[in-house]
């Protein structure tokens, strides 16, 4: 999993106290039973009653209802497909016979195609959220008596990306207006990009990065290399805090307007790797260097867990008052000379010291997070998908993937159902026509659409 640079799941295991903490093992006994089924799922009530002839007691008197026993079970309705036949009525005048007038039909996401907005949304969510490659979707449709080749599905995906490109660009403009961003990157393989087939390309991720944000945005961008200039170009015009890992390419952005924030989780991970590299006997020594460093990280995270539900101002004040990252820095300074540069422990200590000005910058603003894990969580769906489809055939396909991953994950970040959101975009954006101002797309921004999408779904 380290190859994919995935986020560590460490917060739930942190102790609540401060300072130097000993590791403890606790557990809570699970109570028997299961979670209740969601109240939002449609229900059909099946009532079981005794026949009238059996509602008589052995003593001869009539029985009355004395209560009910209720139980639930889930019923699955397989995917349902129907054909919408569009009939445009033509009108003519018998008096002058001056041509025919045809009733218009709504603009379609892909002209002269039988792909509806809902079908395109279904295909995109299946591929870019559920990691279902197109060749598997082809087989699923075949079982439903629908012949859709991979070539057709691929063409629809590319056409969908073309339609939504102006909206992606509008989201990009809104992203640059944010004051806190996070970034990360991971590899992918693009076959037809004019380079060696083994050469690695990169998928970059940029997202809103604060504890609180009114406009959650998650954007992916495909680039053929890992050069830091790609980030400089994508974030041109951004002013604020950019939270990243220790990759040197991001330092090209550091300026009087862009302040780099480090990721404490990456520093902690170095010590965790150092611990795992030790022999088993040394690994059990709770007073060893790696264990000592991890306890100091654990104390910082324990406080952050307590502060996560507070306001920005409260979080800032309590960090200044209670958090003690200087203890970790002093410990690293005291022990750096005791370790070899090439050892795992030496690398971990030197990484922390070199990154220290960026690691503690989260103290400057109560809206900054202690680490970059939120960005890693959003890049994880791409990593999972990559394990299924392995590579992109062309740079055009990689660009389309970046765009569609962006819209799916932005919908998730705004607590919208990606299928409902994409169906809405495919229905409404074609109505704007070919020429429109970028501001016309603001009506489709996800943080303003929850009630509207729910209303349209109910109407459908």
Protein backbone atom coordinates (compact mmCIF):
# COMPACT_ATOMS: atom_id res chain seq x y z
CA UNK A 1 0.00 0.00 0.00
CA UNK A 2 3.01 2.31 0.53
CA UNK A 3 3.53 2.30 -3.23
CA UNK A 4 0.26 4.16 -3.68
CA UNK A 5 0.98 6.82 -1.06
CA UNK A 6 -2.35 6.19 0.66
CA UNK A 7 -3.55 7.99 3.78
CA UNK A 8 -2.98 6.32 7.10
CA UNK A 9 -5.96 5.54 9.28
CA UNK A 10 -4.55 6.64 12.61
CA UNK A 11 -6.92 9.16 14.16
CA UNK A 12 -9.44 6.68 15.56
CA UNK A 13 -6.70 4.90 17.50
CA UNK A 14 -5.31 7.99 19.25
CA UNK A 15 -5.50 8.46 23.05
CA UNK A 16 -7.23 11.58 24.33
CA UNK A 17 -4.65 12.73 26.88
CA UNK A 18 -1.71 15.06 26.19
CA UNK A 19 2.03 14.82 26.64
CA UNK A 20 4.15 11.71 26.71
CA UNK A 21 1.63 8.88 26.55
CA UNK A 22 2.16 5.17 27.05
CA UNK A 23 0.52 2.88 24.54
CA UNK A 24 -2.57 1.12 25.88
CA UNK A 25 -4.81 -1.52 24.39
CA UNK A 26 -8.51 -1.00 24.94
CA UNK A 27 -11.63 -2.32 23.32
CA UNK A 28 -15.35 -1.95 23.62
CA UNK A 29 -17.46 -5.06 23.55
CA UNK A 30 -19.77 -5.01 20.56
CA UNK A 31 -23.42 -5.33 21.40
CA UNK A 32 -25.37 -7.96 19.49
CA UNK A 33 -27.72 -6.84 16.73
CA UNK A 34 -27.44 -4.89 13.53
CA UNK A 35 -27.83 -1.28 12.50
CA UNK A 36 -31.36 -0.26 11.48
CA UNK A 37 -32.03 0.07 7.78
CA UNK A 38 -32.12 3.60 6.39
CA UNK A 39 -35.41 5.48 6.70
CA UNK A 40 -34.82 6.94 3.23
CA UNK A 41 -35.28 3.59 1.46
CA UNK A 42 -38.81 3.15 0.06
CA UNK A 43 -40.88 0.68 2.04
CA UNK A 44 -43.63 -1.75 1.10
CA UNK A 45 -45.62 -3.04 4.07
CA UNK A 46 -46.85 -6.63 3.93
CA UNK A 47 -49.40 -7.25 6.70
CA UNK A 48 -50.14 -10.76 7.93
CA UNK A 49 -53.56 -11.29 9.58
CA UNK A 50 -55.43 -14.35 10.72
CA UNK A 51 -58.44 -15.32 8.62
CA UNK A 52 -61.74 -14.23 10.19
CA UNK A 53 -62.63 -17.84 10.98
CA UNK A 54 -59.51 -18.19 13.15
CA UNK A 55 -60.05 -15.01 15.20
CA UNK A 56 -62.05 -16.91 17.81
CA UNK A 57 -60.61 -17.95 21.16
CA UNK A 58 -60.97 -21.52 22.46
CA UNK A 59 -63.35 -20.10 25.10
CA UNK A 60 -65.67 -18.90 22.36
CA UNK A 61 -64.98 -15.13 22.51
CA UNK A 62 -63.69 -13.01 19.58
CA UNK A 63 -59.99 -12.18 19.49
CA UNK A 64 -58.86 -8.56 19.35
CA UNK A 65 -55.55 -7.06 18.08
CA UNK A 66 -53.10 -6.91 21.00
CA UNK A 67 -49.98 -5.65 19.21
CA UNK A 68 -47.66 -6.30 16.29
CA UNK A 69 -44.30 -7.95 15.64
CA UNK A 70 -42.27 -6.18 12.96
CA UNK A 71 -39.24 -7.34 11.01
CA UNK A 72 -37.44 -5.98 7.95
CA UNK A 73 -35.61 -7.45 4.99
CA UNK A 74 -34.05 -5.85 1.94
CA UNK A 75 -35.52 -6.50 -1.51
CA UNK A 76 -33.33 -5.88 -4.55
CA UNK A 77 -34.80 -4.67 -7.84
CA UNK A 78 -32.29 -5.27 -10.68
CA UNK A 79 -31.38 -2.36 -12.95
CA UNK A 80 -34.39 -1.35 -14.99
CA UNK A 81 -33.97 -0.05 -18.53
CA UNK A 82 -36.59 1.62 -20.66
CA UNK A 83 -36.60 3.37 -24.02
CA UNK A 84 -37.78 6.97 -24.20
CA UNK A 85 -39.27 7.52 -27.64
CA UNK A 86 -39.17 11.19 -28.57
CA UNK A 87 -42.03 12.11 -30.90
CA UNK A 88 -41.83 15.64 -32.36
CA UNK A 89 -45.19 16.61 -33.80
CA UNK A 90 -45.14 18.54 -37.09
CA UNK A 91 -47.70 21.24 -37.88
CA UNK A 92 -48.69 22.67 -41.25
CA UNK A 93 -51.17 25.18 -42.68
CA UNK A 94 -53.61 23.90 -45.34
CA UNK A 95 -54.38 27.45 -46.44
CA UNK A 96 -50.92 28.70 -47.45
CA UNK A 97 -48.96 25.45 -47.30
CA UNK A 98 -45.91 27.49 -46.29
CA UNK A 99 -43.79 24.66 -44.84
CA UNK A 100 -44.02 22.70 -41.59
CA UNK A 101 -43.46 23.72 -38.00
CA UNK A 102 -41.92 21.02 -35.77
CA UNK A 103 -42.22 21.02 -32.00
CA UNK A 104 -38.70 21.22 -30.49
CA UNK A 105 -37.26 18.66 -28.09
CA UNK A 106 -34.78 19.45 -25.31
CA UNK A 107 -31.11 19.61 -26.20
CA UNK A 108 -29.35 16.30 -25.62
CA UNK A 109 -25.93 15.74 -24.01
CA UNK A 110 -24.61 13.93 -27.11
CA UNK A 111 -26.48 14.94 -30.31
CA UNK A 112 -27.71 12.13 -32.56
CA UNK A 113 -26.93 9.56 -29.87
CA UNK A 114 -29.37 7.32 -28.00
CA UNK A 115 -27.45 7.92 -24.74
CA UNK A 116 -29.66 9.72 -22.26
CA UNK A 117 -28.45 11.88 -19.37
CA UNK A 118 -29.18 9.07 -16.92
CA UNK A 119 -27.32 6.45 -18.97
CA UNK A 120 -24.21 8.63 -19.25
CA UNK A 121 -24.31 9.34 -15.52
CA UNK A 122 -24.67 5.62 -14.79
CA UNK A 123 -21.67 4.68 -16.96
CA UNK A 124 -19.45 7.41 -15.51
CA UNK A 125 -20.29 6.66 -11.88
CA UNK A 126 -19.72 2.94 -12.48
CA UNK A 127 -16.26 3.60 -13.94
CA UNK A 128 -15.00 6.59 -11.97
CA UNK A 129 -16.55 5.88 -8.58
CA UNK A 130 -17.16 2.13 -8.50
CA UNK A 131 -13.97 1.35 -10.49
CA UNK A 132 -15.84 -0.78 -13.02
CA UNK A 133 -13.91 -0.87 -16.33
CA UNK A 134 -15.84 -0.36 -19.54
CA UNK A 135 -15.27 -3.93 -20.73
CA UNK A 136 -17.07 -5.20 -17.62
CA UNK A 137 -19.89 -2.74 -18.16
CA UNK A 138 -20.15 -4.06 -21.72
CA UNK A 139 -20.80 -7.54 -20.32
CA UNK A 140 -23.34 -6.23 -17.81
CA UNK A 141 -25.32 -4.46 -20.54
CA UNK A 142 -25.19 -7.61 -22.66
CA UNK A 143 -26.90 -9.53 -19.85
CA UNK A 144 -29.63 -6.88 -20.04
CA UNK A 145 -30.01 -7.55 -23.80
CA UNK A 146 -28.31 -4.24 -24.69
CA UNK A 147 -25.41 -4.37 -27.15
CA UNK A 148 -23.01 -1.57 -26.18
CA UNK A 149 -19.45 -2.08 -27.34
CA UNK A 150 -16.45 -0.75 -25.47
CA UNK A 151 -15.76 1.54 -28.42
CA UNK A 152 -19.21 3.11 -28.05
CA UNK A 153 -18.85 3.44 -24.28
CA UNK A 154 -15.40 5.00 -24.67
CA UNK A 155 -16.70 7.47 -27.22
CA UNK A 156 -19.53 8.47 -24.88
CA UNK A 157 -17.09 9.01 -22.02
CA UNK A 158 -14.92 11.26 -24.19
CA UNK A 159 -17.94 13.19 -25.51
CA UNK A 160 -19.21 13.62 -21.96
CA UNK A 161 -15.86 15.07 -20.91
CA UNK A 162 -15.94 17.50 -23.83
CA UNK A 163 -19.40 18.70 -22.83
CA UNK A 164 -18.32 19.25 -19.21
CA UNK A 165 -14.92 20.83 -19.93
CA UNK A 166 -16.19 24.44 -19.57
CA UNK A 167 -17.73 23.50 -16.22
CA UNK A 168 -14.43 21.95 -15.06
CA UNK A 169 -12.68 25.16 -16.04
CA UNK A 170 -15.22 27.16 -14.05
CA UNK A 171 -14.60 24.98 -11.00
CA UNK A 172 -10.89 25.61 -11.55
CA UNK A 173 -11.49 29.36 -11.38
CA UNK A 174 -13.39 28.97 -8.10
CA UNK A 175 -10.64 26.73 -6.72
CA UNK A 176 -8.03 29.44 -7.27
CA UNK A 177 -10.10 31.84 -5.14
CA UNK A 178 -9.80 29.60 -2.08
CA UNK A 179 -7.40 30.55 0.71
CA UNK A 180 -6.35 27.00 1.64
CA UNK A 181 -5.60 24.21 -0.84
CA UNK A 182 -4.11 20.73 -0.63
CA UNK A 183 -2.28 18.89 -3.40
CA UNK A 184 -0.98 15.39 -4.06
CA UNK A 185 0.00 13.25 -7.02
CA UNK A 186 0.21 9.61 -8.05
CA UNK A 187 1.40 7.68 -11.08
CA UNK A 188 -0.44 6.21 -14.03
CA UNK A 189 0.56 4.58 -17.29
CA UNK A 190 -0.52 6.12 -20.60
CA UNK A 191 0.21 3.90 -23.59
CA UNK A 192 0.05 6.26 -26.57
CA UNK A 193 1.80 9.39 -25.31
CA UNK A 194 4.85 9.24 -27.58
CA UNK A 195 7.16 7.92 -24.85
CA UNK A 196 8.48 4.59 -23.65
CA UNK A 197 5.58 2.35 -22.67
CA UNK A 198 7.18 1.93 -19.22
CA UNK A 199 7.43 5.69 -18.61
CA UNK A 200 5.28 6.94 -15.75
CA UNK A 201 2.80 9.74 -16.19
CA UNK A 202 1.11 11.48 -13.26
CA UNK A 203 -2.34 12.34 -12.03
CA UNK A 204 -2.26 15.48 -9.88
CA UNK A 205 -4.91 16.33 -7.31
CA UNK A 206 -5.88 19.78 -6.02
CA UNK A 207 -8.65 20.39 -3.52
CA UNK A 208 -10.10 22.75 -0.94
CA UNK A 209 -8.00 22.19 2.15
CA UNK A 210 -9.40 23.84 5.26
CA UNK A 211 -11.29 22.37 8.20
CA UNK A 212 -14.20 24.53 7.04
CA UNK A 213 -14.93 25.58 3.46
CA UNK A 214 -18.08 26.89 1.83
CA UNK A 215 -17.08 25.61 -1.60
CA UNK A 216 -15.61 22.08 -1.51
CA UNK A 217 -13.83 21.38 -4.80
CA UNK A 218 -11.72 18.39 -5.86
CA UNK A 219 -9.90 18.60 -9.19
CA UNK A 220 -7.61 16.12 -10.93
CA UNK A 221 -5.20 17.00 -13.72
CA UNK A 222 -3.23 14.65 -15.98
CA UNK A 223 0.37 15.49 -16.85
CA UNK A 224 3.04 13.42 -18.57
CA UNK A 225 5.71 14.19 -15.94
CA UNK A 226 6.14 15.05 -12.26
CA UNK A 227 7.75 18.43 -12.95
CA UNK A 228 6.86 21.08 -10.37
CA UNK A 229 6.12 23.53 -13.19
CA UNK A 230 2.81 21.74 -13.79
CA UNK A 231 1.64 22.82 -10.34
CA UNK A 232 2.87 26.36 -10.93
CA UNK A 233 0.83 26.54 -14.13
CA UNK A 234 -2.33 24.96 -12.68
CA UNK A 235 -2.32 27.19 -9.59
CA UNK A 236 -1.33 30.40 -11.35
CA UNK A 237 -3.08 33.26 -9.57
CA UNK A 238 -3.61 31.38 -6.30
CA UNK A 239 -2.76 33.23 -3.07
CA UNK A 240 -2.93 31.51 0.31
CA UNK A 241 -1.78 28.30 1.98
CA UNK A 242 -0.92 25.18 -0.04
CA UNK A 243 -0.60 22.01 2.04
CA UNK A 244 1.54 19.27 0.49
CA UNK A 245 3.96 16.48 1.34
CA UNK A 246 7.74 16.88 1.18
CA UNK A 247 8.03 16.53 -2.63
CA UNK A 248 10.50 19.21 -3.74
CA UNK A 249 8.52 20.03 -6.90
CA UNK A 250 5.96 21.98 -4.87
CA UNK A 251 8.62 24.40 -3.65
CA UNK A 252 8.47 26.13 -7.04
CA UNK A 253 5.23 27.72 -5.79
CA UNK A 254 6.61 29.12 -2.53
CA UNK A 255 6.39 32.90 -2.60
CA UNK A 256 5.13 35.92 -0.69
CA UNK A 257 1.62 35.00 -1.86
CA UNK A 258 1.77 31.21 -1.54
CA UNK A 259 2.82 29.65 1.75
CA UNK A 260 3.63 25.94 1.84
CA UNK A 261 2.22 23.87 4.72
CA UNK A 262 3.76 20.51 5.51
CA UNK A 263 2.11 17.20 6.33
CA UNK A 264 2.73 15.86 9.83
CA UNK A 265 1.38 12.46 8.75
CA UNK A 266 4.22 12.06 6.23
CA UNK A 267 6.79 12.82 8.91
CA UNK A 268 5.13 10.36 11.27
CA UNK A 269 5.08 7.74 8.51
CA UNK A 270 8.87 7.89 8.21
CA UNK A 271 9.22 6.79 11.83
CA UNK A 272 6.59 4.09 11.37
CA UNK A 273 8.64 2.75 8.44
CA UNK A 274 11.76 2.91 10.60
CA UNK A 275 10.00 0.88 13.27
CA UNK A 276 8.92 -1.79 10.79
CA UNK A 277 12.48 -2.00 9.44
CA UNK A 278 13.84 -3.02 12.85
CA UNK A 279 14.45 -6.65 13.84
CA UNK A 280 11.58 -8.16 15.80
CA UNK A 281 13.47 -8.02 19.10
CA UNK A 282 14.26 -4.31 18.75
CA UNK A 283 10.77 -3.54 17.50
CA UNK A 284 9.31 -4.51 20.88
CA UNK A 285 11.46 -2.01 22.79
CA UNK A 286 8.90 0.67 23.74
CA UNK A 287 11.70 3.06 24.73
CA UNK A 288 13.48 2.92 21.38
CA UNK A 289 13.82 5.96 19.13
CA UNK A 290 10.99 5.07 16.75
CA UNK A 291 8.51 4.36 19.55
CA UNK A 292 9.50 7.58 21.36
CA UNK A 293 8.99 9.67 18.22
CA UNK A 294 5.64 8.04 17.47
CA UNK A 295 4.42 8.84 21.00
CA UNK A 296 5.25 12.49 20.42
CA UNK A 297 3.32 12.49 17.14
CA UNK A 298 0.48 10.71 18.91
CA UNK A 299 0.24 13.52 21.48
CA UNK A 300 -0.10 16.12 18.70
CA UNK A 301 -2.83 14.13 16.99
CA UNK A 302 -4.66 13.47 20.25
CA UNK A 303 -5.13 17.21 20.72
CA UNK A 304 -6.22 17.70 17.09
CA UNK A 305 -8.89 15.05 17.57
CA UNK A 306 -10.25 16.99 20.54
CA UNK A 307 -10.27 20.26 18.53
CA UNK A 308 -11.86 19.02 15.29
CA UNK A 309 -15.41 20.15 16.14
CA UNK A 310 -14.44 23.59 17.49
CA UNK A 311 -14.53 26.91 15.67
CA UNK A 312 -11.53 28.22 13.75
CA UNK A 313 -10.77 30.77 16.47
CA UNK A 314 -11.07 28.24 19.30
CA UNK A 315 -8.86 25.78 17.46
CA UNK A 316 -6.18 28.44 16.92
CA UNK A 317 -6.15 29.53 20.57
CA UNK A 318 -6.05 26.02 22.02
CA UNK A 319 -3.24 24.99 19.70
CA UNK A 320 -1.16 27.90 20.95
CA UNK A 321 -1.98 27.01 24.53
CA UNK A 322 -1.79 23.20 24.63
CA UNK A 323 0.01 21.74 21.61
CA UNK A 324 3.74 21.14 22.09
CA UNK A 325 5.42 20.40 18.76
CA UNK A 326 8.66 21.96 20.05
CA UNK A 327 9.18 18.80 22.13
CA UNK A 328 9.34 16.73 18.95
CA UNK A 329 11.73 19.18 17.28
CA UNK A 330 14.03 19.24 20.31
CA UNK A 331 14.05 15.45 20.44
CA UNK A 332 15.01 15.28 16.75
CA UNK A 333 17.82 17.81 17.26
CA UNK A 334 19.15 15.85 20.24
CA UNK A 335 19.19 12.53 18.36
CA UNK A 336 20.13 13.45 14.79
CA UNK A 337 23.86 12.98 15.47
CA UNK A 338 23.22 9.54 16.97
CA UNK A 339 21.89 8.07 13.73
CA UNK A 340 23.42 7.29 10.36
CA UNK A 341 22.15 9.34 7.43
CA UNK A 342 21.26 6.26 5.41
CA UNK A 343 19.44 4.44 8.21
CA UNK A 344 15.64 4.48 8.34
CA UNK A 345 15.70 6.29 11.69
CA UNK A 346 18.26 8.79 10.42
CA UNK A 347 16.18 9.53 7.33
CA UNK A 348 13.05 10.01 9.46
CA UNK A 349 14.75 12.43 11.85
CA UNK A 350 16.39 14.44 9.07
CA UNK A 351 13.16 14.60 7.08
CA UNK A 352 11.36 16.02 10.12
CA UNK A 353 14.09 18.59 10.78
CA UNK A 354 14.28 19.69 7.12
CA UNK A 355 10.50 19.99 6.85
CA UNK A 356 9.99 21.61 10.26
CA UNK A 357 9.19 25.19 9.10
CA UNK A 358 6.41 23.74 6.94
CA UNK A 359 5.25 21.11 9.45
CA UNK A 360 4.40 23.68 12.14
CA UNK A 361 2.82 26.23 9.80
CA UNK A 362 -0.63 24.84 10.62
CA UNK A 363 -0.25 26.81 13.88
CA UNK A 364 -0.71 30.05 11.91
CA UNK A 365 -4.41 29.52 11.08
CA UNK A 366 -7.06 27.57 12.96
CA UNK A 367 -8.56 26.49 9.64
CA UNK A 368 -5.38 24.67 8.56
CA UNK A 369 -5.20 20.93 9.09
CA UNK A 370 -2.30 19.09 10.70
CA UNK A 371 -1.77 16.88 7.66
CA UNK A 372 -2.52 16.30 4.00
CA UNK A 373 -4.56 13.13 4.57
CA UNK A 374 -7.77 14.62 3.15
CA UNK A 375 -6.08 14.96 -0.27
CA UNK A 376 -4.78 11.39 -0.03
CA UNK A 377 -8.29 10.14 0.72
CA UNK A 378 -9.56 11.79 -2.46
CA UNK A 379 -6.74 10.40 -4.58
CA UNK A 380 -7.44 6.91 -3.26
CA UNK A 381 -10.48 6.32 -5.59
CA UNK A 382 -8.19 6.90 -8.56
CA UNK A 383 -5.61 4.46 -7.11
CA UNK A 384 -8.30 1.81 -6.64
CA UNK A 385 -9.58 2.37 -10.17
CA UNK A 386 -6.08 2.13 -11.58
CA UNK A 387 -5.72 -1.36 -10.13
CA UNK A 388 -8.75 -2.37 -12.22
CA UNK A 389 -8.17 -0.69 -15.56
CA UNK A 390 -4.33 -0.58 -15.24
CA UNK A 391 -3.66 2.16 -17.83
CA UNK A 392 -5.09 4.85 -20.10
CA UNK A 393 -4.84 4.24 -23.82
CA UNK A 394 -4.24 7.88 -24.85
CA UNK A 395 -3.52 11.29 -23.26
CA UNK A 396 -7.00 12.35 -24.38
CA UNK A 397 -8.46 9.49 -22.35
CA UNK A 398 -6.31 10.45 -19.35
CA UNK A 399 -7.56 14.04 -19.57
CA UNK A 400 -11.17 12.80 -19.72
CA UNK A 401 -10.54 10.57 -16.71
CA UNK A 402 -9.12 13.50 -14.75
CA UNK A 403 -12.17 15.63 -15.53
CA UNK A 404 -14.75 12.99 -14.70
CA UNK A 405 -12.99 11.91 -11.50
CA UNK A 406 -13.05 15.59 -10.56
CA UNK A 407 -16.81 15.96 -10.93
CA UNK A 408 -17.56 12.68 -9.14
CA UNK A 409 -15.33 13.52 -6.16
CA UNK A 410 -16.54 17.13 -6.01
CA UNK A 411 -20.10 15.82 -5.77
CA UNK A 412 -19.03 13.50 -2.94
CA UNK A 413 -17.27 16.38 -1.15
CA UNK A 414 -20.55 18.35 -1.28
CA UNK A 415 -22.62 15.42 0.02
CA UNK A 416 -24.39 15.00 -3.33
CA UNK A 417 -25.13 11.67 -4.96
CA UNK A 418 -22.74 11.61 -7.98
CA UNK A 419 -25.33 9.92 -10.22
CA UNK A 420 -27.99 12.53 -9.44
CA UNK A 421 -25.51 15.38 -9.90
CA UNK A 422 -24.13 14.17 -13.23
CA UNK A 423 -27.62 13.43 -14.53
CA UNK A 424 -28.59 17.00 -13.64
CA UNK A 425 -25.53 18.43 -15.44
CA UNK A 426 -26.12 16.32 -18.56
CA UNK A 427 -29.75 17.47 -18.60
CA UNK A 428 -29.28 21.18 -17.94
CA UNK A 429 -25.94 22.22 -19.48
CA UNK A 430 -26.94 21.30 -23.08
CA UNK A 431 -29.84 23.76 -22.73
CA UNK A 432 -27.32 26.63 -22.61
CA UNK A 433 -26.50 26.09 -26.28
CA UNK A 434 -23.08 26.41 -27.87
CA UNK A 435 -22.21 29.94 -26.82
CA UNK A 436 -22.58 31.19 -23.26
CA UNK A 437 -20.63 33.16 -20.69
CA UNK A 438 -18.69 31.20 -18.04
CA UNK A 439 -20.81 32.85 -15.34
CA UNK A 440 -23.85 31.01 -16.69
CA UNK A 441 -22.36 27.80 -15.28
CA UNK A 442 -22.41 29.11 -11.70
CA UNK A 443 -26.02 28.00 -11.35
CA UNK A 444 -24.76 24.38 -11.52
CA UNK A 445 -22.12 24.67 -8.78
CA UNK A 446 -22.69 21.76 -6.39
CA UNK A 447 -22.83 23.70 -3.12
CA UNK A 448 -26.03 25.42 -4.30
CA UNK A 449 -27.89 22.44 -5.75
CA UNK A 450 -28.98 20.02 -3.05
CA UNK A 451 -32.63 21.08 -2.91
CA UNK A 452 -32.92 21.59 -6.67
CA UNK A 453 -31.61 18.11 -7.52
CA UNK A 454 -33.92 16.49 -4.96
CA UNK A 455 -36.88 18.35 -6.49
CA UNK A 456 -35.99 17.28 -10.03
CA UNK A 457 -35.57 13.65 -8.99
CA UNK A 458 -38.97 13.66 -7.30
CA UNK A 459 -40.53 15.18 -10.41
CA UNK A 460 -38.92 12.50 -12.60
